[in-house]
Amino acid sequence: MADTSPEPAVLVTRDDTDPAVAVVTLNRSAKYNALSVELKEALLPAIAEVAGDESVRAVVLTGSRKAFCVGQDLGEHASALERDAATAFDTVREHYNPLALAISGAPKPVIAAINGPCVGAGLGLALAADLRVAAEGLKFSTAFTAIGLTADTGLSASLAHAVGVSRATELLLLGEQFTADDARNWGLVRDVVPAEQVLETALVLARTLATGPTRAYAEVKSAIRFGAVNELPAVLEHEADAQARLATTADHQRAVADFLAKKKPTFEGR
C-alpha cells in the first residue's frame, strides 16, 4: 500500500557536497509556505536542532518550490479571530518571537535563500538570518498595515538596521512592494540570481562559511546584535569579553601559528 501520510511541514537535510551545511526548508508549497501553526511548531525545533548540532557549521533557510514564505496563514488567523480576538495574537509570543530569536541567535551563520515571494513574517524570518540571496524578479512586502497591523517577528528592528530608519518607516507604513533589485541596492540581500540558482548560490556561500572559525562567527553575530542597541562603553566591554573567550579556542591559536608560518589557516570550528 502506498504511503499517503502528509509531507512534514519543515524539512531538515544536509548538503550533499558538505554535510557541515544544513538546509531547513519550509514545506507548505501549496500555500506558498504560509505560516500555519503546524509549520511554526515544526520550524522552531528544526532551527534548534541545527543550531545545537556541533557538526553543523552553517545553515541555509529556504522555502519549497516557488515561494520563500508569504507570512501568516490568514485562513488560520481568521479562525483565531472568530474564536477570540483577544487571544488571536498569542502566536506572536508563542511562535514568532522564539523563531526570530532562534534564527538570529544561532551560534553559526544562517543564510536565507529567498527563492520566491517573501512577505510579512516571512520577511521577518529572512531578516533574522545573517545573509540573504534572492531570486531575480521576486517581490517583497512588509504587508502588515494592509490588514491593519504593525510589524512582528522583529521586523521593526531588523528592517531599520538593514535599510535605515527612514526607509524602514516608509516600507512599514505604506506596505508597498519592493523588488529583489531594490533589496540588493539597499544592502538587504547579498546576491540576486535566477530563481533556479538561488539555493545553489546560498549553498556555495554556506560551504565557504562552514570552513571558517565557527565560534568567531558566533561572537560576531552576538557583537552585532549587542552593538546595535547599546552605548559604546558597553559595546567595548562586550568585545573585550568576546576576544578573551576566543583567545582560548583551538581555531584562533592554530590560525596565529599558521599565519606566522606563512600558511593558510584551516578551521575546525573549535
C-alpha atoms as a PDB file:
ATOM      1  CA  MET A   1       0.000   0.000   0.000  1.00  0.00           C
ATOM      2  CA  ALA A   2       1.323   3.453  -0.920  1.00  0.00           C
ATOM      3  CA  ASP A   3       2.263   5.811   1.885  1.00  0.00           C
ATOM      4  CA  THR A   4      -0.395   8.541   1.955  1.00  0.00           C
ATOM      5  CA  SER A   5       0.903  10.363   5.032  1.00  0.00           C
ATOM      6  CA  PRO A   6       1.283  14.113   4.517  1.00  0.00           C
ATOM      7  CA  GLU A   7       4.706  15.581   3.960  1.00  0.00           C
ATOM      8  CA  PRO A   8       6.278  17.236   7.002  1.00  0.00           C
ATOM      9  CA  ALA A   9       5.772  20.993   7.260  1.00  0.00           C
ATOM     10  CA  VAL A  10       9.539  21.514   7.635  1.00  0.00           C
ATOM     11  CA  LEU A  11      12.361  19.507   6.098  1.00  0.00           C
ATOM     12  CA  VAL A  12      15.881  19.319   7.542  1.00  0.00           C
ATOM     13  CA  THR A  13      18.543  17.909   5.220  1.00  0.00           C
ATOM     14  CA  ARG A  14      22.306  18.020   4.759  1.00  0.00           C
ATOM     15  CA  ASP A  15      24.116  19.387   1.740  1.00  0.00           C
ATOM     16  CA  ASP A  16      25.421  16.578  -0.473  1.00  0.00           C
ATOM     17  CA  THR A  17      28.680  18.436  -1.082  1.00  0.00           C
ATOM     18  CA  ASP A  18      29.383  19.435   2.516  1.00  0.00           C
ATOM     19  CA  PRO A  19      27.466  17.715   5.330  1.00  0.00           C
ATOM     20  CA  ALA A  20      28.511  20.539   7.670  1.00  0.00           C
ATOM     21  CA  VAL A  21      25.832  22.606   5.884  1.00  0.00           C
ATOM     22  CA  ALA A  22      22.228  22.000   6.958  1.00  0.00           C
ATOM     23  CA  VAL A  23      19.239  23.057   4.860  1.00  0.00           C
ATOM     24  CA  VAL A  24      15.967  23.913   6.604  1.00  0.00           C
ATOM     25  CA  THR A  25      13.043  24.087   4.153  1.00  0.00           C
ATOM     26  CA  LEU A  26       9.579  25.491   4.802  1.00  0.00           C
ATOM     27  CA  ASN A  27       7.419  22.858   3.130  1.00  0.00           C
ATOM     28  CA  ARG A  28       3.853  24.107   2.561  1.00  0.00           C
ATOM     29  CA  SER A  29       4.298  24.857  -1.129  1.00  0.00           C
ATOM     30  CA  ALA A  30       0.565  24.619  -1.908  1.00  0.00           C
ATOM     31  CA  LYS A  31       0.052  27.582   0.454  1.00  0.00           C
ATOM     32  CA  TYR A  32       3.232  29.434  -0.588  1.00  0.00           C
ATOM     33  CA  ASN A  33       4.768  28.345   2.723  1.00  0.00           C
ATOM     34  CA  ALA A  34       2.300  30.432   4.726  1.00  0.00           C
ATOM     35  CA  LEU A  35       2.953  30.104   8.433  1.00  0.00           C
ATOM     36  CA  SER A  36       0.355  27.749   9.883  1.00  0.00           C
ATOM     37  CA  VAL A  37       0.535  26.595  13.490  1.00  0.00           C
ATOM     38  CA  GLU A  38       1.840  23.251  12.221  1.00  0.00           C
ATOM     39  CA  LEU A  39       4.662  24.906  10.285  1.00  0.00           C
ATOM     40  CA  LYS A  40       5.602  27.284  13.110  1.00  0.00           C
ATOM     41  CA  GLU A  41       5.640  24.465  15.648  1.00  0.00           C
ATOM     42  CA  ALA A  42       7.834  22.369  13.351  1.00  0.00           C
ATOM     43  CA  LEU A  43      10.209  25.183  12.421  1.00  0.00           C
ATOM     44  CA  LEU A  44      11.321  26.105  15.939  1.00  0.00           C
ATOM     45  CA  PRO A  45      12.659  22.636  16.877  1.00  0.00           C
ATOM     46  CA  ALA A  46      14.209  22.340  13.412  1.00  0.00           C
ATOM     47  CA  ILE A  47      16.166  25.552  13.959  1.00  0.00           C
ATOM     48  CA  ALA A  48      17.072  24.448  17.487  1.00  0.00           C
ATOM     49  CA  GLU A  49      18.273  21.095  16.137  1.00  0.00           C
ATOM     50  CA  VAL A  50      20.700  22.557  13.592  1.00  0.00           C
ATOM     51  CA  ALA A  51      21.761  25.360  15.942  1.00  0.00           C
ATOM     52  CA  GLY A  52      22.688  22.888  18.656  1.00  0.00           C
ATOM     53  CA  ASP A  53      24.387  20.315  16.418  1.00  0.00           C
ATOM     54  CA  GLU A  54      28.143  20.935  16.526  1.00  0.00           C
ATOM     55  CA  SER A  55      28.598  19.037  13.268  1.00  0.00           C
ATOM     56  CA  VAL A  56      26.563  21.775  11.523  1.00  0.00           C
ATOM     57  CA  ARG A  57      28.672  24.853  10.836  1.00  0.00           C
ATOM     58  CA  ALA A  58      26.346  26.796   8.514  1.00  0.00           C
ATOM     59  CA  VAL A  59      22.611  26.753   7.816  1.00  0.00           C
ATOM     60  CA  VAL A  60      20.507  27.606   4.763  1.00  0.00           C
ATOM     61  CA  LEU A  61      16.865  28.551   5.338  1.00  0.00           C
ATOM     62  CA  THR A  62      14.619  28.371   2.280  1.00  0.00           C
ATOM     63  CA  GLY A  63      11.104  27.670   1.039  1.00  0.00           C
ATOM     64  CA  SER A  64       9.835  24.811  -1.087  1.00  0.00           C
ATOM     65  CA  ARG A  65       9.071  25.318  -4.755  1.00  0.00           C
ATOM     66  CA  LYS A  66       8.089  28.848  -5.842  1.00  0.00           C
ATOM     67  CA  ALA A  67       7.840  30.793  -2.570  1.00  0.00           C
ATOM     68  CA  PHE A  68      10.024  31.579   0.391  1.00  0.00           C
ATOM     69  CA  CYS A  69       7.218  32.491   2.806  1.00  0.00           C
ATOM     70  CA  VAL A  70       4.166  34.726   2.431  1.00  0.00           C
ATOM     71  CA  GLY A  71       3.773  35.238   6.172  1.00  0.00           C
ATOM     72  CA  GLN A  72       0.968  34.252   8.494  1.00  0.00           C
ATOM     73  CA  ASP A  73      -1.661  31.821   7.219  1.00  0.00           C
ATOM     74  CA  LEU A  74      -4.587  34.253   7.132  1.00  0.00           C
ATOM     75  CA  GLY A  75      -7.159  31.462   6.971  1.00  0.00           C
ATOM     76  CA  GLU A  76      -5.978  30.202  10.337  1.00  0.00           C
ATOM     77  CA  HIS A  77      -5.772  33.750  11.634  1.00  0.00           C
ATOM     78  CA  ALA A  78      -9.368  34.475  10.617  1.00  0.00           C
ATOM     79  CA  SER A  79     -10.481  31.387  12.544  1.00  0.00           C
ATOM     80  CA  ALA A  80      -8.493  32.536  15.579  1.00  0.00           C
ATOM     81  CA  LEU A  81     -10.128  35.968  15.403  1.00  0.00           C
ATOM     82  CA  GLU A  82     -13.556  34.363  15.242  1.00  0.00           C
ATOM     83  CA  ARG A  83     -12.845  32.192  18.279  1.00  0.00           C
ATOM     84  CA  ASP A  84     -11.434  35.031  20.412  1.00  0.00           C
ATOM     85  CA  ALA A  85      -9.839  38.192  19.016  1.00  0.00           C
ATOM     86  CA  ALA A  86      -8.197  38.836  22.397  1.00  0.00           C
ATOM     87  CA  THR A  87      -6.046  35.703  22.055  1.00  0.00           C
ATOM     88  CA  ALA A  88      -5.646  35.620  18.267  1.00  0.00           C
ATOM     89  CA  PHE A  89      -2.161  37.078  18.528  1.00  0.00           C
ATOM     90  CA  ASP A  90      -0.851  34.755  21.209  1.00  0.00           C
ATOM     91  CA  THR A  91       1.083  33.253  18.290  1.00  0.00           C
ATOM     92  CA  VAL A  92       3.416  36.271  18.294  1.00  0.00           C
ATOM     93  CA  ARG A  93       4.809  35.411  21.716  1.00  0.00           C
ATOM     94  CA  GLU A  94       4.405  31.658  21.331  1.00  0.00           C
ATOM     95  CA  HIS A  95       5.890  31.297  17.843  1.00  0.00           C
ATOM     96  CA  TYR A  96       7.197  34.390  16.068  1.00  0.00           C
ATOM     97  CA  ASN A  97       9.293  35.806  18.886  1.00  0.00           C
ATOM     98  CA  PRO A  98      11.038  32.483  19.629  1.00  0.00           C
ATOM     99  CA  LEU A  99      11.639  31.913  15.918  1.00  0.00           C
ATOM    100  CA  ALA A 100      13.264  35.321  15.417  1.00  0.00           C
ATOM    101  CA  LEU A 101      15.463  34.738  18.453  1.00  0.00           C
ATOM    102  CA  ALA A 102      16.389  31.195  17.423  1.00  0.00           C
ATOM    103  CA  ILE A 103      17.427  32.166  13.888  1.00  0.00           C
ATOM    104  CA  SER A 104      19.283  35.341  14.807  1.00  0.00           C
ATOM    105  CA  GLY A 105      20.864  33.720  17.867  1.00  0.00           C
ATOM    106  CA  ALA A 106      22.033  30.513  16.201  1.00  0.00           C
ATOM    107  CA  PRO A 107      25.768  30.178  17.018  1.00  0.00           C
ATOM    108  CA  LYS A 108      26.650  29.742  13.346  1.00  0.00           C
ATOM    109  CA  PRO A 109      25.900  31.597  10.104  1.00  0.00           C
ATOM    110  CA  VAL A 110      22.365  31.349   8.702  1.00  0.00           C
ATOM    111  CA  ILE A 111      21.756  32.230   5.043  1.00  0.00           C
ATOM    112  CA  ALA A 112      18.233  32.841   3.746  1.00  0.00           C
ATOM    113  CA  ALA A 113      17.797  31.504   0.203  1.00  0.00           C
ATOM    114  CA  ILE A 114      14.808  33.628  -0.835  1.00  0.00           C
ATOM    115  CA  ASN A 115      13.511  31.680  -3.801  1.00  0.00           C
ATOM    116  CA  GLY A 116      10.154  33.426  -4.203  1.00  0.00           C
ATOM    117  CA  PRO A 117       7.668  35.822  -2.578  1.00  0.00           C
ATOM    118  CA  CYS A 118       8.758  36.995   0.855  1.00  0.00           C
ATOM    119  CA  VAL A 119       6.079  38.848   2.784  1.00  0.00           C
ATOM    120  CA  GLY A 120       5.202  39.908   6.328  1.00  0.00           C
ATOM    121  CA  ALA A 121       6.505  37.479   8.924  1.00  0.00           C
ATOM    122  CA  GLY A 122       8.296  35.685   6.079  1.00  0.00           C
ATOM    123  CA  LEU A 123      10.362  38.839   5.576  1.00  0.00           C
ATOM    124  CA  GLY A 124      10.951  38.869   9.329  1.00  0.00           C
ATOM    125  CA  LEU A 125      12.347  35.327   9.166  1.00  0.00           C
ATOM    126  CA  ALA A 126      14.599  36.255   6.232  1.00  0.00           C
ATOM    127  CA  LEU A 127      15.941  39.292   8.090  1.00  0.00           C
ATOM    128  CA  ALA A 128      16.594  37.205  11.191  1.00  0.00           C
ATOM    129  CA  ALA A 129      19.146  35.340   9.060  1.00  0.00           C
ATOM    130  CA  ASP A 130      22.668  36.729   8.696  1.00  0.00           C
ATOM    131  CA  LEU A 131      22.925  36.863   4.900  1.00  0.00           C
ATOM    132  CA  ARG A 132      20.386  36.667   2.100  1.00  0.00           C
ATOM    133  CA  VAL A 133      20.330  35.531  -1.537  1.00  0.00           C
ATOM    134  CA  ALA A 134      17.249  36.421  -3.595  1.00  0.00           C
ATOM    135  CA  ALA A 135      15.682  35.348  -6.871  1.00  0.00           C
ATOM    136  CA  GLU A 136      15.514  37.760  -9.779  1.00  0.00           C
ATOM    137  CA  GLY A 137      12.130  39.388 -10.184  1.00  0.00           C
ATOM    138  CA  LEU A 138      10.700  38.381  -6.829  1.00  0.00           C
ATOM    139  CA  LYS A 139       8.652  40.798  -4.744  1.00  0.00           C
ATOM    140  CA  PHE A 140       8.991  41.636  -1.081  1.00  0.00           C
ATOM    141  CA  SER A 141       6.482  43.425   1.118  1.00  0.00           C
ATOM    142  CA  THR A 142       6.023  44.157   4.798  1.00  0.00           C
ATOM    143  CA  ALA A 143       2.231  43.854   4.211  1.00  0.00           C
ATOM    144  CA  PHE A 144       1.190  44.400   7.835  1.00  0.00           C
ATOM    145  CA  THR A 145      -0.612  47.727   7.530  1.00  0.00           C
ATOM    146  CA  ALA A 146      -2.601  46.397   4.569  1.00  0.00           C
ATOM    147  CA  ILE A 147      -4.578  44.356   7.116  1.00  0.00           C
ATOM    148  CA  GLY A 148      -4.451  46.899   9.926  1.00  0.00           C
ATOM    149  CA  LEU A 149      -1.435  45.530  11.779  1.00  0.00           C
ATOM    150  CA  THR A 150       2.046  46.540  12.833  1.00  0.00           C
ATOM    151  CA  ALA A 151       5.254  44.538  12.403  1.00  0.00           C
ATOM    152  CA  ASP A 152       6.199  41.382  14.255  1.00  0.00           C
ATOM    153  CA  THR A 153       8.964  38.761  14.072  1.00  0.00           C
ATOM    154  CA  GLY A 154      11.441  41.503  14.977  1.00  0.00           C
ATOM    155  CA  LEU A 155      10.914  43.278  11.667  1.00  0.00           C
ATOM    156  CA  SER A 156      10.590  46.770  13.183  1.00  0.00           C
ATOM    157  CA  ALA A 157      14.190  46.434  14.394  1.00  0.00           C
ATOM    158  CA  SER A 158      15.776  44.215  11.766  1.00  0.00           C
ATOM    159  CA  LEU A 159      14.425  46.217   8.822  1.00  0.00           C
ATOM    160  CA  ALA A 160      15.526  49.521  10.352  1.00  0.00           C
ATOM    161  CA  HIS A 161      19.001  48.105  10.995  1.00  0.00           C
ATOM    162  CA  ALA A 162      19.196  46.766   7.438  1.00  0.00           C
ATOM    163  CA  VAL A 163      17.960  49.749   5.411  1.00  0.00           C
ATOM    164  CA  GLY A 164      17.848  52.670   7.880  1.00  0.00           C
ATOM    165  CA  VAL A 165      15.029  54.155   9.921  1.00  0.00           C
ATOM    166  CA  SER A 166      13.652  56.415   7.177  1.00  0.00           C
ATOM    167  CA  ARG A 167      13.281  53.703   4.539  1.00  0.00           C
ATOM    168  CA  ALA A 168      12.041  51.149   7.086  1.00  0.00           C
ATOM    169  CA  THR A 169       9.359  53.600   8.187  1.00  0.00           C
ATOM    170  CA  GLU A 170       8.298  54.082   4.574  1.00  0.00           C
ATOM    171  CA  LEU A 171       8.190  50.345   3.893  1.00  0.00           C
ATOM    172  CA  LEU A 172       6.239  49.575   7.045  1.00  0.00           C
ATOM    173  CA  LEU A 173       3.767  52.482   6.795  1.00  0.00           C
ATOM    174  CA  LEU A 174       2.978  52.173   3.088  1.00  0.00           C
ATOM    175  CA  GLY A 175       3.436  48.430   2.720  1.00  0.00           C
ATOM    176  CA  GLU A 176       4.472  48.905  -0.894  1.00  0.00           C
ATOM    177  CA  GLN A 177       6.127  46.051  -2.724  1.00  0.00           C
ATOM    178  CA  PHE A 178       9.814  46.265  -3.495  1.00  0.00           C
ATOM    179  CA  THR A 179      11.925  44.154  -5.798  1.00  0.00           C
ATOM    180  CA  ALA A 180      14.955  41.957  -5.383  1.00  0.00           C
ATOM    181  CA  ASP A 181      16.997  44.618  -7.174  1.00  0.00           C
ATOM    182  CA  ASP A 182      15.752  47.224  -4.695  1.00  0.00           C
ATOM    183  CA  ALA A 183      16.741  44.901  -1.864  1.00  0.00           C
ATOM    184  CA  ARG A 184      20.230  44.467  -3.300  1.00  0.00           C
ATOM    185  CA  ASN A 185      20.677  48.196  -3.839  1.00  0.00           C
ATOM    186  CA  TRP A 186      19.676  48.851  -0.225  1.00  0.00           C
ATOM    187  CA  GLY A 187      22.041  46.195   1.106  1.00  0.00           C
ATOM    188  CA  LEU A 188      19.193  43.951   2.215  1.00  0.00           C
ATOM    189  CA  VAL A 189      20.377  40.988   0.135  1.00  0.00           C
ATOM    190  CA  ARG A 190      23.862  39.966  -0.925  1.00  0.00           C
ATOM    191  CA  ASP A 191      23.124  38.416  -4.331  1.00  0.00           C
ATOM    192  CA  VAL A 192      20.275  38.423  -6.841  1.00  0.00           C
ATOM    193  CA  VAL A 193      20.338  35.423  -9.182  1.00  0.00           C
ATOM    194  CA  PRO A 194      17.901  33.464 -11.385  1.00  0.00           C
ATOM    195  CA  ALA A 195      15.380  31.583  -9.262  1.00  0.00           C
ATOM    196  CA  GLU A 196      16.800  28.187 -10.189  1.00  0.00           C
ATOM    197  CA  GLN A 197      20.212  29.279  -8.892  1.00  0.00           C
ATOM    198  CA  VAL A 198      19.135  30.697  -5.523  1.00  0.00           C
ATOM    199  CA  LEU A 199      19.597  27.572  -3.431  1.00  0.00           C
ATOM    200  CA  GLU A 200      22.929  26.625  -5.001  1.00  0.00           C
ATOM    201  CA  THR A 201      24.232  30.185  -4.602  1.00  0.00           C
ATOM    202  CA  ALA A 202      23.271  30.108  -0.929  1.00  0.00           C
ATOM    203  CA  LEU A 203      24.856  26.679  -0.535  1.00  0.00           C
ATOM    204  CA  VAL A 204      28.140  27.864  -2.064  1.00  0.00           C
ATOM    205  CA  LEU A 205      28.189  30.708   0.450  1.00  0.00           C
ATOM    206  CA  ALA A 206      27.287  28.343   3.289  1.00  0.00           C
ATOM    207  CA  ARG A 207      30.040  25.910   2.283  1.00  0.00           C
ATOM    208  CA  THR A 208      32.574  28.733   2.473  1.00  0.00           C
ATOM    209  CA  LEU A 209      31.348  29.753   5.914  1.00  0.00           C
ATOM    210  CA  ALA A 210      31.301  26.131   7.056  1.00  0.00           C
ATOM    211  CA  THR A 211      35.089  26.020   6.645  1.00  0.00           C
ATOM    212  CA  GLY A 212      35.578  29.115   8.789  1.00  0.00           C
ATOM    213  CA  PRO A 213      36.024  29.862  12.501  1.00  0.00           C
ATOM    214  CA  THR A 214      32.528  28.936  13.686  1.00  0.00           C
ATOM    215  CA  ARG A 215      32.966  30.191  17.251  1.00  0.00           C
ATOM    216  CA  ALA A 216      34.299  33.515  15.982  1.00  0.00           C
ATOM    217  CA  TYR A 217      31.257  33.798  13.711  1.00  0.00           C
ATOM    218  CA  ALA A 218      29.006  33.236  16.728  1.00  0.00           C
ATOM    219  CA  GLU A 219      30.775  36.039  18.587  1.00  0.00           C
ATOM    220  CA  VAL A 220      30.476  38.347  15.560  1.00  0.00           C
ATOM    221  CA  LYS A 221      26.717  37.727  15.461  1.00  0.00           C
ATOM    222  CA  SER A 222      26.396  38.395  19.174  1.00  0.00           C
ATOM    223  CA  ALA A 223      28.512  41.542  18.931  1.00  0.00           C
ATOM    224  CA  ILE A 224      26.419  42.990  16.111  1.00  0.00           C
ATOM    225  CA  ARG A 225      23.166  42.344  17.972  1.00  0.00           C
ATOM    226  CA  PHE A 226      24.605  43.872  21.148  1.00  0.00           C
ATOM    227  CA  GLY A 227      26.235  46.811  19.389  1.00  0.00           C
ATOM    228  CA  ALA A 228      23.018  47.772  17.605  1.00  0.00           C
ATOM    229  CA  VAL A 229      21.219  48.609  20.852  1.00  0.00           C
ATOM    230  CA  ASN A 230      23.884  49.557  23.397  1.00  0.00           C
ATOM    231  CA  GLU A 231      26.183  52.504  24.034  1.00  0.00           C
ATOM    232  CA  LEU A 232      29.872  52.431  23.174  1.00  0.00           C
ATOM    233  CA  PRO A 233      31.317  51.700  26.643  1.00  0.00           C
ATOM    234  CA  ALA A 234      29.142  48.595  26.963  1.00  0.00           C
ATOM    235  CA  VAL A 235      29.973  47.572  23.389  1.00  0.00           C
ATOM    236  CA  LEU A 236      33.684  47.826  24.097  1.00  0.00           C
ATOM    237  CA  GLU A 237      33.352  45.612  27.173  1.00  0.00           C
ATOM    238  CA  HIS A 238      31.309  43.107  25.199  1.00  0.00           C
ATOM    239  CA  GLU A 239      34.007  42.978  22.517  1.00  0.00           C
ATOM    240  CA  ALA A 240      36.771  42.573  25.083  1.00  0.00           C
ATOM    241  CA  ASP A 241      34.970  39.663  26.741  1.00  0.00           C
ATOM    242  CA  ALA A 242      34.419  38.010  23.356  1.00  0.00           C
ATOM    243  CA  GLN A 243      38.074  38.325  22.367  1.00  0.00           C
ATOM    244  CA  ALA A 244      39.107  36.796  25.681  1.00  0.00           C
ATOM    245  CA  ARG A 245      36.818  33.834  25.044  1.00  0.00           C
ATOM    246  CA  LEU A 246      38.131  33.364  21.511  1.00  0.00           C
ATOM    247  CA  ALA A 247      41.757  33.515  22.678  1.00  0.00           C
ATOM    248  CA  THR A 248      41.334  30.059  24.207  1.00  0.00           C
ATOM    249  CA  THR A 249      39.916  28.431  21.066  1.00  0.00           C
ATOM    250  CA  ALA A 250      41.917  25.943  19.050  1.00  0.00           C
ATOM    251  CA  ASP A 251      40.961  27.735  15.829  1.00  0.00           C
ATOM    252  CA  HIS A 252      42.457  31.048  16.931  1.00  0.00           C
ATOM    253  CA  GLN A 253      45.634  29.566  18.333  1.00  0.00           C
ATOM    254  CA  ARG A 254      46.267  27.438  15.261  1.00  0.00           C
ATOM    255  CA  ALA A 255      45.452  30.318  12.888  1.00  0.00           C
ATOM    256  CA  VAL A 256      48.025  32.555  14.592  1.00  0.00           C
ATOM    257  CA  ALA A 257      50.647  29.818  14.298  1.00  0.00           C
ATOM    258  CA  ASP A 258      49.740  29.251  10.647  1.00  0.00           C
ATOM    259  CA  PHE A 259      49.930  32.978   9.921  1.00  0.00           C
ATOM    260  CA  LEU A 260      53.405  33.207  11.436  1.00  0.00           C
ATOM    261  CA  ALA A 261      54.447  30.141   9.449  1.00  0.00           C
ATOM    262  CA  LYS A 262      53.060  31.778   6.284  1.00  0.00           C
ATOM    263  CA  LYS A 263      50.493  29.003   5.891  1.00  0.00           C
ATOM    264  CA  LYS A 264      46.828  29.339   5.047  1.00  0.00           C
ATOM    265  CA  PRO A 265      44.880  28.673   8.252  1.00  0.00           C
ATOM    266  CA  THR A 266      42.349  25.894   8.489  1.00  0.00           C
ATOM    267  CA  PHE A 267      39.479  25.948  10.962  1.00  0.00           C
ATOM    268  CA  GLU A 268      37.646  23.122  12.669  1.00  0.00           C
ATOM    269  CA  GLY A 269      35.004  25.202  14.396  1.00  0.00           C
ATOM    270  CA  ARG A 270      36.533  24.673  17.847  1.00  0.00           C
END
